[in-house]
Amino acid sequence: MDIMTFVSAVLVATISSSGMWAFLQRRHDKKDAKTELLLGLAHDRIMYLGTLYIHKNEITRSEFENLITYLYEPYEKLGGNGSAKHIVDRVKSLPLKEEV
């Protein structure tokens, strides 16, 4: 048996083993759970801050940038939407307050 045949046999055995597929599935599931957790935390923060600004009926430019650029846009790219989008749309219509 030459070296290429041996390497091919080992590679096929590794790929076809159930342990290898279980490892890859666990890794994929863990990544999905992290993404879901991150989406949940971002959603909570967007809802909290957005509601706060809506109740104050004003927002500063830095608050707006923080909410939109650093929270909502990444949240949206990860697939988040719904009620957070509704809050962000309302925040976008608020008058800008002077920075202190």
N, C-alpha and C. Protein backbone atom coordinates (compact mmCIF):
# COMPACT_ATOMS: atom_id res chain seq x y z
N MET A 1 0.86 -1.17 0.00
CA MET A 1 0.00 0.00 0.00
C MET A 1 0.90 1.23 0.00
N ASP A 2 0.66 2.13 -0.94
CA ASP A 2 1.48 3.34 -0.99
C ASP A 2 0.92 4.39 -0.01
N ILE A 3 1.67 5.45 0.18
CA ILE A 3 1.33 6.48 1.17
C ILE A 3 0.03 7.19 0.82
N MET A 4 -0.23 7.45 -0.45
CA MET A 4 -1.46 8.15 -0.86
C MET A 4 -2.70 7.31 -0.56
N THR A 5 -2.62 6.02 -0.78
CA THR A 5 -3.74 5.14 -0.49
C THR A 5 -4.01 5.12 1.01
N PHE A 6 -2.96 5.07 1.79
CA PHE A 6 -3.08 5.06 3.25
C PHE A 6 -3.71 6.37 3.75
N VAL A 7 -3.20 7.50 3.27
CA VAL A 7 -3.73 8.81 3.68
C VAL A 7 -5.19 8.93 3.28
N SER A 8 -5.51 8.48 2.08
CA SER A 8 -6.90 8.53 1.62
C SER A 8 -7.81 7.69 2.51
N ALA A 9 -7.34 6.50 2.88
CA ALA A 9 -8.14 5.62 3.74
C ALA A 9 -8.38 6.24 5.11
N VAL A 10 -7.35 6.85 5.68
CA VAL A 10 -7.48 7.50 6.99
C VAL A 10 -8.43 8.69 6.88
N LEU A 11 -8.30 9.47 5.83
CA LEU A 11 -9.16 10.63 5.63
C LEU A 11 -10.62 10.22 5.49
N VAL A 12 -10.90 9.22 4.69
CA VAL A 12 -12.27 8.73 4.50
C VAL A 12 -12.83 8.19 5.82
N ALA A 13 -12.03 7.45 6.56
CA ALA A 13 -12.48 6.90 7.84
C ALA A 13 -12.81 8.02 8.83
N THR A 14 -11.99 9.06 8.86
CA THR A 14 -12.20 10.18 9.78
C THR A 14 -13.48 10.93 9.42
N ILE A 15 -13.64 11.25 8.16
CA ILE A 15 -14.81 12.01 7.71
C ILE A 15 -16.10 11.24 7.92
N SER A 16 -16.05 9.94 7.70
CA SER A 16 -17.28 9.15 7.81
C SER A 16 -17.60 8.73 9.23
N SER A 17 -16.72 8.99 10.17
CA SER A 17 -16.99 8.56 11.55
C SER A 17 -18.09 9.42 12.17
N SER A 18 -18.93 8.79 12.97
CA SER A 18 -20.04 9.51 13.61
C SER A 18 -19.53 10.51 14.65
N GLY A 19 -18.40 10.22 15.26
CA GLY A 19 -17.82 11.14 16.24
C GLY A 19 -17.43 12.47 15.63
N MET A 20 -16.91 12.40 14.42
CA MET A 20 -16.51 13.63 13.73
C MET A 20 -17.75 14.49 13.44
N TRP A 21 -18.81 13.86 12.97
CA TRP A 21 -20.03 14.62 12.65
C TRP A 21 -20.68 15.15 13.93
N ALA A 22 -20.64 14.41 15.00
CA ALA A 22 -21.19 14.87 16.28
C ALA A 22 -20.43 16.08 16.78
N PHE A 23 -19.09 16.05 16.66
CA PHE A 23 -18.26 17.19 17.05
C PHE A 23 -18.64 18.43 16.25
N LEU A 24 -18.75 18.28 14.95
CA LEU A 24 -19.10 19.43 14.10
C LEU A 24 -20.49 19.96 14.41
N GLN A 25 -21.43 19.08 14.70
CA GLN A 25 -22.79 19.50 15.03
C GLN A 25 -22.82 20.27 16.35
N ARG A 26 -22.10 19.77 17.37
CA ARG A 26 -22.04 20.47 18.65
C ARG A 26 -21.43 21.85 18.48
N ARG A 27 -20.40 21.94 17.68
CA ARG A 27 -19.73 23.23 17.44
C ARG A 27 -20.71 24.19 16.76
N HIS A 28 -21.46 23.70 15.80
CA HIS A 28 -22.44 24.52 15.09
C HIS A 28 -23.55 24.98 16.04
N ASP A 29 -24.06 24.06 16.87
CA ASP A 29 -25.12 24.39 17.81
C ASP A 29 -24.65 25.43 18.82
N LYS A 30 -23.42 25.31 19.29
CA LYS A 30 -22.88 26.26 20.26
C LYS A 30 -22.80 27.65 19.64
N LYS A 31 -22.37 27.73 18.39
CA LYS A 31 -22.30 29.02 17.71
C LYS A 31 -23.70 29.61 17.56
N ASP A 32 -24.67 28.78 17.23
CA ASP A 32 -26.04 29.28 17.11
C ASP A 32 -26.57 29.80 18.44
N ALA A 33 -26.26 29.12 19.52
CA ALA A 33 -26.70 29.56 20.84
C ALA A 33 -26.06 30.89 21.21
N LYS A 34 -24.78 31.06 20.87
CA LYS A 34 -24.11 32.34 21.15
C LYS A 34 -24.75 33.46 20.34
N THR A 35 -25.07 33.19 19.08
CA THR A 35 -25.70 34.19 18.23
C THR A 35 -27.07 34.56 18.79
N GLU A 36 -27.83 33.57 19.20
CA GLU A 36 -29.16 33.83 19.77
C GLU A 36 -29.06 34.65 21.05
N LEU A 37 -28.09 34.32 21.88
CA LEU A 37 -27.89 35.07 23.12
C LEU A 37 -27.51 36.51 22.82
N LEU A 38 -26.60 36.70 21.88
CA LEU A 38 -26.18 38.05 21.49
C LEU A 38 -27.35 38.85 20.93
N LEU A 39 -28.16 38.22 20.09
CA LEU A 39 -29.35 38.88 19.56
C LEU A 39 -30.30 39.27 20.69
N GLY A 40 -30.48 38.38 21.65
CA GLY A 40 -31.36 38.67 22.77
C GLY A 40 -30.89 39.84 23.61
N LEU A 41 -29.60 39.87 23.88
CA LEU A 41 -29.04 40.98 24.66
C LEU A 41 -29.14 42.30 23.91
N ALA A 42 -28.84 42.28 22.62
CA ALA A 42 -28.95 43.49 21.81
C ALA A 42 -30.40 43.95 21.75
N HIS A 43 -31.32 43.01 21.57
CA HIS A 43 -32.74 43.36 21.51
C HIS A 43 -33.20 44.02 22.81
N ASP A 44 -32.80 43.44 23.93
CA ASP A 44 -33.18 43.99 25.22
C ASP A 44 -32.65 45.42 25.38
N ARG A 45 -31.40 45.63 25.01
CA ARG A 45 -30.79 46.96 25.16
C ARG A 45 -31.43 47.98 24.22
N ILE A 46 -31.71 47.57 22.98
CA ILE A 46 -32.37 48.46 22.02
C ILE A 46 -33.74 48.86 22.54
N MET A 47 -34.49 47.88 23.04
CA MET A 47 -35.83 48.15 23.56
C MET A 47 -35.77 49.08 24.77
N TYR A 48 -34.84 48.81 25.67
CA TYR A 48 -34.73 49.62 26.89
C TYR A 48 -34.35 51.07 26.55
N LEU A 49 -33.26 51.24 25.80
CA LEU A 49 -32.81 52.59 25.48
C LEU A 49 -33.81 53.32 24.59
N GLY A 50 -34.33 52.63 23.59
CA GLY A 50 -35.29 53.26 22.69
C GLY A 50 -36.52 53.76 23.42
N THR A 51 -37.03 52.93 24.32
CA THR A 51 -38.21 53.33 25.11
C THR A 51 -37.88 54.52 26.01
N LEU A 52 -36.69 54.52 26.58
CA LEU A 52 -36.25 55.64 27.42
C LEU A 52 -36.23 56.94 26.63
N TYR A 53 -35.65 56.91 25.44
CA TYR A 53 -35.58 58.11 24.61
C TYR A 53 -36.97 58.56 24.16
N ILE A 54 -37.82 57.61 23.84
CA ILE A 54 -39.19 57.94 23.42
C ILE A 54 -39.94 58.63 24.57
N HIS A 55 -39.78 58.12 25.77
CA HIS A 55 -40.44 58.73 26.94
C HIS A 55 -39.88 60.11 27.24
N LYS A 56 -38.58 60.31 26.99
CA LYS A 56 -37.98 61.64 27.18
C LYS A 56 -38.35 62.57 26.03
N ASN A 57 -38.80 61.99 24.93
CA ASN A 57 -39.15 62.71 23.70
C ASN A 57 -37.99 63.52 23.14
N GLU A 58 -36.77 63.00 23.30
CA GLU A 58 -35.58 63.63 22.73
C GLU A 58 -34.41 62.66 22.80
N ILE A 59 -33.40 62.94 22.01
CA ILE A 59 -32.20 62.11 21.97
C ILE A 59 -31.03 62.96 21.52
N THR A 60 -29.84 62.74 22.11
CA THR A 60 -28.65 63.47 21.66
C THR A 60 -28.05 62.73 20.45
N ARG A 61 -27.18 63.42 19.74
CA ARG A 61 -26.54 62.81 18.58
C ARG A 61 -25.71 61.59 18.97
N SER A 62 -24.99 61.67 20.09
CA SER A 62 -24.16 60.53 20.53
C SER A 62 -25.03 59.36 20.99
N GLU A 63 -26.15 59.64 21.65
CA GLU A 63 -27.07 58.57 22.03
C GLU A 63 -27.64 57.89 20.79
N PHE A 64 -27.99 58.70 19.80
CA PHE A 64 -28.54 58.19 18.55
C PHE A 64 -27.52 57.31 17.84
N GLU A 65 -26.27 57.78 17.76
CA GLU A 65 -25.21 57.01 17.11
C GLU A 65 -24.97 55.69 17.85
N ASN A 66 -24.95 55.73 19.17
CA ASN A 66 -24.75 54.53 19.96
C ASN A 66 -25.87 53.51 19.69
N LEU A 67 -27.10 53.98 19.70
CA LEU A 67 -28.23 53.08 19.50
C LEU A 67 -28.26 52.49 18.09
N ILE A 68 -28.10 53.34 17.09
CA ILE A 68 -28.25 52.89 15.71
C ILE A 68 -26.99 52.18 15.21
N THR A 69 -25.84 52.84 15.27
CA THR A 69 -24.61 52.31 14.68
C THR A 69 -24.05 51.11 15.42
N TYR A 70 -24.05 51.18 16.74
CA TYR A 70 -23.37 50.15 17.51
C TYR A 70 -24.28 49.05 18.06
N LEU A 71 -25.59 49.28 18.05
CA LEU A 71 -26.51 48.25 18.53
C LEU A 71 -27.45 47.75 17.43
N TYR A 72 -28.24 48.68 16.84
CA TYR A 72 -29.28 48.23 15.94
C TYR A 72 -28.74 47.67 14.61
N GLU A 73 -27.78 48.34 13.99
CA GLU A 73 -27.28 47.86 12.70
C GLU A 73 -26.65 46.47 12.79
N PRO A 74 -25.78 46.20 13.78
CA PRO A 74 -25.27 44.83 13.92
C PRO A 74 -26.38 43.82 14.27
N TYR A 75 -27.33 44.25 15.10
CA TYR A 75 -28.47 43.40 15.46
C TYR A 75 -29.25 43.01 14.20
N GLU A 76 -29.48 43.97 13.36
CA GLU A 76 -30.23 43.72 12.12
C GLU A 76 -29.44 42.79 11.19
N LYS A 77 -28.12 42.96 11.10
CA LYS A 77 -27.28 42.10 10.25
C LYS A 77 -27.30 40.65 10.73
N LEU A 78 -27.45 40.45 12.04
CA LEU A 78 -27.52 39.09 12.58
C LEU A 78 -28.89 38.46 12.41
N GLY A 79 -29.84 39.24 11.89
CA GLY A 79 -31.17 38.69 11.63
C GLY A 79 -32.25 39.18 12.57
N GLY A 80 -31.93 40.05 13.48
CA GLY A 80 -32.94 40.58 14.39
C GLY A 80 -33.86 41.57 13.68
N ASN A 81 -35.09 41.66 14.14
CA ASN A 81 -36.04 42.60 13.55
C ASN A 81 -37.25 42.72 14.46
N GLY A 82 -38.39 43.05 13.91
CA GLY A 82 -39.63 43.06 14.67
C GLY A 82 -39.80 44.27 15.56
N SER A 83 -40.03 44.01 16.84
CA SER A 83 -40.34 45.10 17.77
C SER A 83 -39.18 46.08 17.91
N ALA A 84 -37.94 45.61 17.81
CA ALA A 84 -36.80 46.52 17.89
C ALA A 84 -36.81 47.49 16.71
N LYS A 85 -37.18 47.03 15.53
CA LYS A 85 -37.26 47.91 14.36
C LYS A 85 -38.33 48.97 14.59
N HIS A 86 -39.44 48.57 15.17
CA HIS A 86 -40.52 49.53 15.45
C HIS A 86 -40.03 50.63 16.40
N ILE A 87 -39.33 50.25 17.45
CA ILE A 87 -38.79 51.22 18.41
C ILE A 87 -37.78 52.13 17.74
N VAL A 88 -36.87 51.56 16.95
CA VAL A 88 -35.84 52.36 16.27
C VAL A 88 -36.48 53.35 15.30
N ASP A 89 -37.52 52.93 14.59
CA ASP A 89 -38.22 53.85 13.68
C ASP A 89 -38.81 55.03 14.44
N ARG A 90 -39.35 54.77 15.62
CA ARG A 90 -39.89 55.86 16.45
C ARG A 90 -38.78 56.76 16.97
N VAL A 91 -37.65 56.17 17.35
CA VAL A 91 -36.51 56.97 17.85
C VAL A 91 -35.98 57.89 16.74
N LYS A 92 -35.97 57.38 15.51
CA LYS A 92 -35.46 58.18 14.38
C LYS A 92 -36.28 59.45 14.15
N SER A 93 -37.49 59.49 14.63
CA SER A 93 -38.33 60.68 14.45
C SER A 93 -38.23 61.67 15.61
N LEU A 94 -37.47 61.32 16.64
CA LEU A 94 -37.34 62.21 17.80
C LEU A 94 -36.47 63.43 17.47
N PRO A 95 -36.78 64.56 18.14
CA PRO A 95 -35.92 65.75 17.96
C PRO A 95 -34.56 65.52 18.63
N LEU A 96 -33.51 66.08 18.01
CA LEU A 96 -32.17 65.98 18.57
C LEU A 96 -32.00 67.03 19.66
N LYS A 97 -31.42 66.60 20.78
CA LYS A 97 -31.15 67.48 21.92
C LYS A 97 -29.68 67.89 21.86
N GLU A 98 -29.37 69.09 22.28
CA GLU A 98 -27.99 69.57 22.34
C GLU A 98 -27.17 68.70 23.31
N GLU A 99 -25.92 68.41 22.92
CA GLU A 99 -25.03 67.67 23.81
C GLU A 99 -24.65 68.57 24.98
N VAL A 100 -24.47 67.98 26.16
CA VAL A 100 -24.09 68.74 27.35
C VAL A 100 -22.61 68.64 27.57
